[in-house]
Amino acid sequence: MTIPRAARTQRRTRIQEAKEEQILEAALDVFSVSGFRGSTIDQIAEVAGMSKPNLLYYFRTKEAMHRALIDRVLFTWLEPLRAFDAEGNPESEIRSYIRRKLEMARDFPRESRLFANEMLQGAPHVEDELKGPLKQLVDEKAEVIRSWTKAGKIAKCDPYHLIFSIWSTTQHYADFDVQVRAVLGQEHAGAGRFEDAARFLEQLFIDGLKVKPAPDAS
């Protein structure tokens, strides 16, 4: 995890911690709109309401700010997947996962767009994490899904593409929020759109994973 420059030189005070959060909030605003390449330290300093030298005391480079944010996003974004319990009821686990991912799309849209921008650029800053810790976690949870399949609890499916599909359908409501609200129209584009999405996606995935009865051989 990226450590702010101030934290490497001395024990941080509450004021320093608050300044770091102020900078990261501003950086998140800028990066989520302009992407890493389109953002500048000057822009972040302006949004943060501080001088460039003051900002650079806490984070020496644009890369350091971006990496600190990406580290946070990866940790937060993967928490619902970590909670996937092999001993739980598959329907309940999948339903809970869908809802938690939609809650994150609702509550952390800037973080979702930050991560999407990083992926669109070829993941230059987090490729090692994607091929390492993230892959290991997904491999582990894929085995959970396979165990449910073998036990006859859910229909046979490709566990990786199931996870990818849940990621794409839930994060769509953050990354394409403007499009979603425009198409739904004023009547349906309020906060209730996330509950509507949850009900639909639960039906889509849960029904699709139900074990079909064997055909009557008579």
Protein backbone atom coordinates (compact mmCIF):
# COMPACT_ATOMS: atom_id res chain seq x y z
CA MET A 1 0.00 0.00 0.00
CA THR A 2 1.23 3.50 -0.84
CA ILE A 3 2.32 5.48 2.23
CA PRO A 4 1.98 9.28 2.11
CA ARG A 5 5.31 11.10 2.26
CA ALA A 6 4.47 12.77 5.57
CA ALA A 7 3.81 9.41 7.18
CA ARG A 8 7.28 8.18 6.25
CA THR A 9 9.05 11.06 7.98
CA GLN A 10 7.25 11.26 11.31
CA ARG A 11 4.22 10.15 13.22
CA ARG A 12 1.22 11.81 11.67
CA THR A 13 -0.85 14.30 13.61
CA ARG A 14 -4.61 14.58 13.22
CA ILE A 15 -4.07 17.68 11.13
CA GLN A 16 -1.76 15.77 8.77
CA GLU A 17 -4.22 12.91 8.50
CA ALA A 18 -6.98 15.38 7.70
CA LYS A 19 -4.80 17.03 5.04
CA GLU A 20 -4.05 13.68 3.43
CA GLU A 21 -7.76 12.88 3.29
CA GLN A 22 -8.47 16.32 1.84
CA ILE A 23 -5.90 15.71 -0.91
CA LEU A 24 -7.16 12.22 -1.69
CA GLU A 25 -10.76 13.43 -1.88
CA ALA A 26 -9.70 16.10 -4.36
CA ALA A 27 -7.59 13.61 -6.32
CA LEU A 28 -10.54 11.22 -6.48
CA ASP A 29 -12.72 13.98 -7.92
CA VAL A 30 -10.15 14.83 -10.58
CA PHE A 31 -9.03 11.29 -11.50
CA SER A 32 -12.58 9.94 -11.72
CA VAL A 33 -13.46 12.62 -14.28
CA SER A 34 -10.24 13.10 -16.24
CA GLY A 35 -8.43 9.81 -15.72
CA PHE A 36 -4.82 9.53 -14.67
CA ARG A 37 -3.32 10.87 -17.91
CA GLY A 38 -5.71 13.80 -18.15
CA SER A 39 -5.18 14.95 -14.57
CA THR A 40 -2.50 17.27 -13.20
CA ILE A 41 -1.14 18.04 -9.75
CA ASP A 42 -2.18 21.67 -10.28
CA GLN A 43 -5.80 20.59 -10.82
CA ILE A 44 -5.77 18.45 -7.69
CA ALA A 45 -4.23 21.24 -5.62
CA GLU A 46 -6.89 23.67 -6.85
CA VAL A 47 -9.74 21.29 -5.97
CA ALA A 48 -8.13 20.57 -2.60
CA GLY A 49 -7.87 24.30 -1.92
CA MET A 50 -4.17 24.27 -1.11
CA SER A 51 -0.91 25.30 -2.70
CA LYS A 52 1.00 22.88 -4.90
CA PRO A 53 4.07 22.86 -2.58
CA ASN A 54 1.83 22.07 0.38
CA LEU A 55 0.21 19.20 -1.50
CA LEU A 56 3.60 17.83 -2.55
CA TYR A 57 4.68 17.67 1.09
CA TYR A 58 2.11 14.92 1.58
CA PHE A 59 2.23 13.20 -1.81
CA ARG A 60 5.36 13.79 -3.85
CA THR A 61 3.88 12.69 -7.21
CA LYS A 62 0.61 12.30 -9.04
CA GLU A 63 1.39 8.58 -9.19
CA ALA A 64 1.52 8.37 -5.38
CA MET A 65 -1.93 9.90 -5.01
CA HIS A 66 -3.37 7.70 -7.72
CA ARG A 67 -1.86 4.54 -6.28
CA ALA A 68 -3.14 5.34 -2.78
CA LEU A 69 -6.64 5.68 -4.18
CA ILE A 70 -6.39 2.52 -6.28
CA ASP A 71 -5.19 0.55 -3.24
CA ARG A 72 -8.24 1.73 -1.32
CA VAL A 73 -10.59 0.92 -4.16
CA LEU A 74 -9.23 -2.59 -4.58
CA PHE A 75 -9.56 -3.32 -0.88
CA THR A 76 -13.10 -1.91 -0.67
CA TRP A 77 -14.30 -3.36 -3.96
CA LEU A 78 -13.19 -6.89 -3.11
CA GLU A 79 -14.57 -6.97 0.44
CA PRO A 80 -17.99 -8.37 -0.62
CA LEU A 81 -16.26 -11.14 -2.58
CA ARG A 82 -14.10 -12.01 0.43
CA ALA A 83 -17.33 -12.51 2.39
CA PHE A 84 -18.52 -15.20 -0.05
CA ASP A 85 -18.99 -18.16 2.33
CA ALA A 86 -18.63 -21.73 1.08
CA GLU A 87 -20.74 -22.94 4.01
CA GLY A 88 -23.56 -20.52 3.28
CA ASN A 89 -26.68 -21.05 1.22
CA PRO A 90 -25.70 -20.34 -2.42
CA GLU A 91 -28.84 -18.36 -3.19
CA SER A 92 -28.39 -16.20 -0.09
CA GLU A 93 -24.68 -15.69 -0.77
CA ILE A 94 -25.21 -14.66 -4.40
CA ARG A 95 -28.18 -12.45 -3.52
CA SER A 96 -26.13 -10.72 -0.80
CA TYR A 97 -23.19 -10.26 -3.17
CA ILE A 98 -25.35 -8.63 -5.83
CA ARG A 99 -26.89 -6.24 -3.31
CA ARG A 100 -23.55 -5.29 -1.74
CA LYS A 101 -22.06 -4.59 -5.17
CA LEU A 102 -25.04 -2.39 -6.06
CA GLU A 103 -24.72 -0.55 -2.75
CA MET A 104 -21.10 0.17 -3.63
CA ALA A 105 -22.12 1.41 -7.08
CA ARG A 106 -24.59 3.73 -5.36
CA ASP A 107 -22.28 4.93 -2.57
CA PHE A 108 -18.88 4.97 -4.34
CA PRO A 109 -19.45 5.99 -7.97
CA ARG A 110 -16.23 8.01 -8.18
CA GLU A 111 -14.18 5.05 -7.00
CA SER A 112 -15.82 2.82 -9.58
CA ARG A 113 -15.06 5.25 -12.40
CA LEU A 114 -11.48 5.64 -11.14
CA PHE A 115 -11.00 1.88 -11.37
CA ALA A 116 -12.74 1.67 -14.76
CA ASN A 117 -10.42 4.37 -16.13
CA GLU A 118 -7.41 2.42 -14.89
CA MET A 119 -8.65 -0.73 -16.66
CA LEU A 120 -9.32 1.17 -19.89
CA GLN A 121 -5.71 2.38 -19.86
CA GLY A 122 -4.46 -1.21 -19.60
CA ALA A 123 -4.03 -1.24 -15.79
CA PRO A 124 -0.49 0.23 -15.89
CA HIS A 125 -0.42 0.88 -12.14
CA VAL A 126 -2.06 -2.26 -10.78
CA GLU A 127 -1.24 -5.08 -13.17
CA ASP A 128 0.71 -6.92 -10.46
CA GLU A 129 -2.25 -6.74 -8.08
CA LEU A 130 -4.64 -8.00 -10.76
CA LYS A 131 -2.43 -10.98 -11.56
CA GLY A 132 -1.57 -11.60 -7.91
CA PRO A 133 -3.93 -10.94 -4.95
CA LEU A 134 -7.05 -10.29 -7.05
CA LYS A 135 -6.58 -13.43 -9.16
CA GLN A 136 -5.90 -15.50 -6.04
CA LEU A 137 -9.13 -14.28 -4.43
CA VAL A 138 -11.20 -14.92 -7.55
CA ASP A 139 -9.63 -18.39 -7.94
CA GLU A 140 -10.58 -19.15 -4.33
CA LYS A 141 -14.19 -18.03 -4.78
CA ALA A 142 -14.44 -19.84 -8.11
CA GLU A 143 -13.73 -23.02 -6.18
CA VAL A 144 -16.57 -22.16 -3.81
CA ILE A 145 -18.96 -21.86 -6.75
CA ARG A 146 -17.65 -25.14 -8.20
CA SER A 147 -18.28 -26.85 -4.85
CA TRP A 148 -21.91 -25.69 -4.95
CA THR A 149 -22.22 -27.05 -8.48
CA LYS A 150 -20.74 -30.42 -7.53
CA ALA A 151 -23.08 -30.62 -4.55
CA GLY A 152 -26.05 -30.02 -6.84
CA LYS A 153 -26.96 -26.77 -5.09
CA ILE A 154 -26.75 -24.64 -8.25
CA ALA A 155 -26.75 -25.36 -11.98
CA LYS A 156 -23.46 -25.99 -13.72
CA CYS A 157 -21.81 -22.72 -14.75
CA ASP A 158 -18.45 -21.14 -15.43
CA PRO A 159 -17.62 -19.55 -12.05
CA TYR A 160 -15.30 -16.91 -13.49
CA HIS A 161 -17.85 -15.65 -15.98
CA LEU A 162 -20.50 -15.66 -13.28
CA ILE A 163 -18.32 -13.36 -11.18
CA PHE A 164 -17.47 -11.19 -14.21
CA SER A 165 -21.17 -10.89 -15.05
CA ILE A 166 -22.06 -9.74 -11.55
CA TRP A 167 -19.23 -7.22 -11.66
CA SER A 168 -20.31 -5.80 -15.01
CA THR A 169 -24.04 -5.60 -14.33
CA THR A 170 -23.70 -4.00 -10.89
CA GLN A 171 -20.87 -1.57 -11.66
CA HIS A 172 -22.75 -0.40 -14.76
CA TYR A 173 -24.97 1.63 -12.42
CA ALA A 174 -21.93 3.64 -11.29
CA ASP A 175 -19.85 3.86 -14.46
CA PHE A 176 -22.83 4.68 -16.72
CA ASP A 177 -25.01 6.47 -14.20
CA VAL A 178 -25.72 9.40 -16.53
CA GLN A 179 -26.96 7.03 -19.23
CA VAL A 180 -29.03 5.00 -16.76
CA ARG A 181 -30.80 8.08 -15.41
CA ALA A 182 -31.36 9.55 -18.87
CA VAL A 183 -32.94 6.37 -20.20
CA LEU A 184 -35.05 5.70 -17.10
CA GLY A 185 -36.40 9.22 -17.11
CA GLN A 186 -37.23 11.44 -14.17
CA GLU A 187 -39.99 9.17 -12.86
CA HIS A 188 -37.73 6.13 -12.38
CA ALA A 189 -34.26 7.64 -12.00
CA GLY A 190 -34.35 8.31 -8.28
CA ALA A 191 -32.61 6.38 -5.53
CA GLY A 192 -35.13 3.60 -6.01
CA ARG A 193 -33.41 2.61 -9.26
CA PHE A 194 -30.88 0.64 -7.23
CA GLU A 195 -33.59 -1.40 -5.53
CA ASP A 196 -35.23 -1.99 -8.91
CA ALA A 197 -31.87 -3.13 -10.27
CA ALA A 198 -31.30 -5.41 -7.27
CA ARG A 199 -34.63 -7.16 -7.72
CA PHE A 200 -34.05 -7.65 -11.43
CA LEU A 201 -30.48 -8.91 -11.10
CA GLU A 202 -31.44 -11.26 -8.26
CA GLN A 203 -34.13 -12.76 -10.47
CA LEU A 204 -31.76 -12.95 -13.44
CA PHE A 205 -28.91 -14.70 -11.63
CA ILE A 206 -30.84 -16.78 -9.10
CA ASP A 207 -33.29 -18.14 -11.67
CA GLY A 208 -30.44 -18.82 -14.08
CA LEU A 209 -28.58 -20.85 -11.45
CA LYS A 210 -31.48 -22.99 -10.31
CA VAL A 211 -30.98 -26.69 -10.85
CA LYS A 212 -33.35 -27.89 -13.55
CA PRO A 213 -35.18 -31.15 -12.92
CA ALA A 214 -33.99 -34.06 -14.98
CA PRO A 215 -36.20 -34.76 -18.02
CA ASP A 216 -38.72 -37.54 -17.59
CA ALA A 217 -37.31 -40.60 -19.31
CA SER A 218 -40.68 -42.37 -19.51
